[in-house]
C-alpha atoms as a PDB file:
ATOM      1  CA  MET A   1     114.972 114.697  99.065  1.00  0.00           C
ATOM      2  CA  PHE A   2     114.527 113.751 102.726  1.00  0.00           C
ATOM      3  CA  PHE A   3     116.102 115.704 105.344  1.00  0.00           C
ATOM      4  CA  PHE A   4     116.222 113.908 108.757  1.00  0.00           C
ATOM      5  CA  GLN A   5     117.273 115.253 112.163  1.00  0.00           C
ATOM      6  CA  VAL A   6     119.077 112.937 115.094  1.00  0.00           C
ATOM      7  CA  GLY A   7     116.141 111.409 116.869  1.00  0.00           C
ATOM      8  CA  ASP A   8     113.775 111.071 113.924  1.00  0.00           C
ATOM      9  CA  THR A   9     112.102 107.638 113.564  1.00  0.00           C
ATOM     10  CA  ILE A  10     112.277 106.438 109.876  1.00  0.00           C
ATOM     11  CA  TYR A  11     110.420 103.649 108.231  1.00  0.00           C
ATOM     12  CA  ALA A  12     113.115 102.438 105.726  1.00  0.00           C
ATOM     13  CA  ARG A  13     113.965  99.416 103.780  1.00  0.00           C
ATOM     14  CA  VAL A  14     117.825  97.749 103.957  1.00  0.00           C
ATOM     15  CA  LEU A  15     119.547  97.752 100.797  1.00  0.00           C
ATOM     16  CA  GLN A  16     122.735  96.717 101.874  1.00  0.00           C
ATOM     17  CA  ALA A  17     124.335  95.257 105.374  1.00  0.00           C
ATOM     18  CA  GLY A  18     127.260  93.412 105.884  1.00  0.00           C
ATOM     19  CA  ARG A  19     130.331  92.855 108.465  1.00  0.00           C
ATOM     20  CA  ASN A  20     132.742  94.806 106.552  1.00  0.00           C
ATOM     21  CA  VAL A  21     130.206  97.388 104.715  1.00  0.00           C
ATOM     22  CA  GLU A  22     128.334 100.412 106.114  1.00  0.00           C
ATOM     23  CA  VAL A  23     124.629  99.688 105.897  1.00  0.00           C
ATOM     24  CA  GLU A  24     122.528 101.549 103.403  1.00  0.00           C
ATOM     25  CA  LEU A  25     119.349 102.350 103.738  1.00  0.00           C
ATOM     26  CA  THR A  26     116.438 103.662 101.318  1.00  0.00           C
ATOM     27  CA  CYS A  27     112.922 105.199 101.802  1.00  0.00           C
ATOM     28  CA  VAL A  28     111.741 104.114  98.188  1.00  0.00           C
ATOM     29  CA  ASP A  29     110.277 100.819  97.438  1.00  0.00           C
ATOM     30  CA  ARG A  30     111.466  98.239  94.796  1.00  0.00           C
ATOM     31  CA  TYR A  31     109.140 100.330  92.229  1.00  0.00           C
ATOM     32  CA  GLY A  32     110.814 103.440  93.075  1.00  0.00           C
ATOM     33  CA  LYS A  33     107.944 105.338  94.756  1.00  0.00           C
ATOM     34  CA  ALA A  34     108.174 106.463  98.628  1.00  0.00           C
ATOM     35  CA  GLY A  35     104.783 104.426  99.574  1.00  0.00           C
ATOM     36  CA  LEU A  36     104.463 104.089 102.910  1.00  0.00           C
ATOM     37  CA  LEU A  37     108.561 104.537 103.694  1.00  0.00           C
ATOM     38  CA  GLY A  38     110.253 107.638 105.197  1.00  0.00           C
ATOM     39  CA  LYS A  39     109.788 109.808 108.508  1.00  0.00           C
ATOM     40  CA  VAL A  40     107.189 108.552 110.721  1.00  0.00           C
ATOM     41  CA  PRO A  41     105.032 111.177 111.755  1.00  0.00           C
ATOM     42  CA  GLU A  42     105.277 113.131 115.058  1.00  0.00           C
ATOM     43  CA  GLY A  43     103.800 111.496 118.155  1.00  0.00           C
ATOM     44  CA  GLY A  44     102.988 107.991 118.689  1.00  0.00           C
ATOM     45  CA  PHE A  45     104.771 105.418 120.569  1.00  0.00           C
ATOM     46  CA  LEU A  46     107.869 103.373 119.368  1.00  0.00           C
ATOM     47  CA  VAL A  47     108.499  99.758 121.247  1.00  0.00           C
ATOM     48  CA  HIS A  48     111.114  97.009 120.565  1.00  0.00           C
ATOM     49  CA  CYS A  49     109.591  93.663 121.035  1.00  0.00           C
ATOM     50  CA  SER A  50     110.614  90.060 120.175  1.00  0.00           C
ATOM     51  CA  ILE A  51     111.022  89.015 116.671  1.00  0.00           C
ATOM     52  CA  ASN A  52     108.282  86.303 117.453  1.00  0.00           C
ATOM     53  CA  VAL A  53     106.027  89.244 117.718  1.00  0.00           C
ATOM     54  CA  ILE A  54     106.850  90.614 114.950  1.00  0.00           C
ATOM     55  CA  ARG A  55     106.659  87.816 112.646  1.00  0.00           C
ATOM     56  CA  LYS A  56     103.501  86.652 113.909  1.00  0.00           C
ATOM     57  CA  ILE A  57     101.452  89.988 113.250  1.00  0.00           C
ATOM     58  CA  ARG A  58     103.126  90.451 110.138  1.00  0.00           C
ATOM     59  CA  SER A  59     101.996  86.857 108.425  1.00  0.00           C
ATOM     60  CA  PRO A  60      99.223  86.719 106.254  1.00  0.00           C
ATOM     61  CA  LEU A  61      97.123  84.385 108.419  1.00  0.00           C
ATOM     62  CA  CYS A  62      97.226  86.663 111.451  1.00  0.00           C
ATOM     63  CA  ARG A  63      94.079  89.022 111.526  1.00  0.00           C
ATOM     64  CA  LEU A  64      95.502  90.968 114.583  1.00  0.00           C
ATOM     65  CA  LYS A  65      95.630  94.395 112.673  1.00  0.00           C
ATOM     66  CA  GLU A  66      92.284  93.834 111.200  1.00  0.00           C
ATOM     67  CA  GLU A  67      90.675  92.802 114.534  1.00  0.00           C
ATOM     68  CA  LEU A  68      92.104  95.547 116.226  1.00  0.00           C
ATOM     69  CA  GLY A  69      90.726  98.041 113.177  1.00  0.00           C
ATOM     70  CA  LYS A  70      87.179  96.929 114.172  1.00  0.00           C
ATOM     71  CA  TYR A  71      87.532  98.509 117.603  1.00  0.00           C
ATOM     72  CA  PHE A  72      90.292 101.181 117.242  1.00  0.00           C
ATOM     73  CA  ARG A  73      91.566 103.655 114.552  1.00  0.00           C
ATOM     74  CA  PHE A  74      95.302 103.821 114.494  1.00  0.00           C
ATOM     75  CA  ASP A  75      98.421 103.875 112.313  1.00  0.00           C
ATOM     76  CA  ILE A  76     101.252 101.386 112.681  1.00  0.00           C
ATOM     77  CA  ALA A  77     104.570 100.625 111.231  1.00  0.00           C
ATOM     78  CA  ILE A  78     105.709  97.177 111.681  1.00  0.00           C
ATOM     79  CA  GLY A  79     109.811  96.915 111.247  1.00  0.00           C
ATOM     80  CA  ILE A  80     111.338  93.498 110.779  1.00  0.00           C
ATOM     81  CA  ASN A  81     114.332  94.539 113.062  1.00  0.00           C
ATOM     82  CA  GLY A  82     111.627  94.374 115.978  1.00  0.00           C
ATOM     83  CA  CYS A  83     110.594  97.816 116.403  1.00  0.00           C
ATOM     84  CA  ILE A  84     106.824  98.736 116.246  1.00  0.00           C
ATOM     85  CA  TRP A  85     105.568 102.356 115.780  1.00  0.00           C
ATOM     86  CA  LEU A  86     101.844 102.996 116.954  1.00  0.00           C
ATOM     87  CA  HIS A  87      99.804 106.118 116.872  1.00  0.00           C
ATOM     88  CA  ALA A  88      96.046 106.291 117.944  1.00  0.00           C
ATOM     89  CA  SER A  89      93.594 109.134 118.825  1.00  0.00           C
ATOM     90  CA  SER A  90      94.905 109.176 122.393  1.00  0.00           C
ATOM     91  CA  VAL A  91      97.899 107.953 124.549  1.00  0.00           C
ATOM     92  CA  GLN A  92      95.730 106.030 126.461  1.00  0.00           C
ATOM     93  CA  GLN A  93      94.390 103.918 123.529  1.00  0.00           C
ATOM     94  CA  THR A  94      98.013 103.778 122.125  1.00  0.00           C
ATOM     95  CA  ILE A  95      99.132 101.948 125.099  1.00  0.00           C
ATOM     96  CA  LEU A  96      96.052  99.766 125.321  1.00  0.00           C
ATOM     97  CA  ILE A  97      96.676  98.616 121.643  1.00  0.00           C
ATOM     98  CA  MET A  98     100.277  98.366 122.034  1.00  0.00           C
ATOM     99  CA  ASN A  99      99.558  96.106 125.140  1.00  0.00           C
ATOM    100  CA  ILE A 100      97.220  93.638 123.179  1.00  0.00           C
ATOM    101  CA  ILE A 101     100.161  93.568 120.267  1.00  0.00           C
ATOM    102  CA  LEU A 102     102.776  92.523 122.576  1.00  0.00           C
ATOM    103  CA  GLU A 103     100.259  89.963 124.177  1.00  0.00           C
ATOM    104  CA  ALA A 104      99.365  88.629 120.685  1.00  0.00           C
ATOM    105  CA  GLU A 105     102.453  86.456 120.897  1.00  0.00           C
ATOM    106  CA  PHE A 106     100.923  84.247 123.340  1.00  0.00           C
ATOM    107  CA  LEU A 107      97.522  84.851 122.203  1.00  0.00           C
ATOM    108  CA  SER A 108      95.295  82.915 119.610  1.00  0.00           C
ATOM    109  CA  ILE A 109      92.917  85.113 117.624  1.00  0.00           C
ATOM    110  CA  ASP A 110      89.770  84.248 119.370  1.00  0.00           C
ATOM    111  CA  GLU A 111      91.492  85.369 122.421  1.00  0.00           C
ATOM    112  CA  ILE A 112      92.504  88.531 120.813  1.00  0.00           C
ATOM    113  CA  LYS A 113      88.652  89.112 119.756  1.00  0.00           C
ATOM    114  CA  GLN A 114      87.854  88.583 123.443  1.00  0.00           C
ATOM    115  CA  ARG A 115      90.306  90.893 124.817  1.00  0.00           C
ATOM    116  CA  CYS A 116      89.249  93.847 122.273  1.00  0.00           C
ATOM    117  CA  LYS A 117      85.775  92.986 123.320  1.00  0.00           C
ATOM    118  CA  GLU A 118      86.761  93.433 127.006  1.00  0.00           C
ATOM    119  CA  LEU A 119      88.298  96.582 126.341  1.00  0.00           C
ATOM    120  CA  THR A 120      85.130  98.030 124.195  1.00  0.00           C
ATOM    121  CA  ALA A 121      82.761  96.804 127.443  1.00  0.00           C
ATOM    122  CA  LYS A 122      85.148  99.240 129.671  1.00  0.00           C
ATOM    123  CA  GLY A 123      84.632 102.043 127.388  1.00  0.00           C
ATOM    124  CA  TYR A 124      87.652 102.114 125.423  1.00  0.00           C
ATOM    125  CA  HIS A 125      85.825 101.741 122.196  1.00  0.00           C
ATOM    126  CA  ALA A 126      87.002 104.295 119.397  1.00  0.00           C
ATOM    127  CA  VAL A 127      85.526 103.397 115.886  1.00  0.00           C
ATOM    128  CA  THR A 128      82.004 104.445 115.733  1.00  0.00           C
END
């Protein structure tokens, strides 16, 4: 059983929502497993962004997370509600990765690769 405190960040699935119905969330997937759902670990950075960014980076055609993973180590939770939680090895890297993600709405994958290479050239490379 989960015990949450006010202010906790939760990665959950909406079971039920409506105009005259209370929102009901669950932290188990459709197979009855917790999987990656539940309380997000302490630390990291939570940002609200446009639904267009969320749709783009959740698309199977978008290779943004994989491309960023070549250069940085990070954990990410992407909610369809426009929230992204991100945790990297330092605050500086977390902000850099989040900025790339937010810029991704207007960048092609080639431009994202170039942006990652530029950051690596400046010494922000994290993956060894």
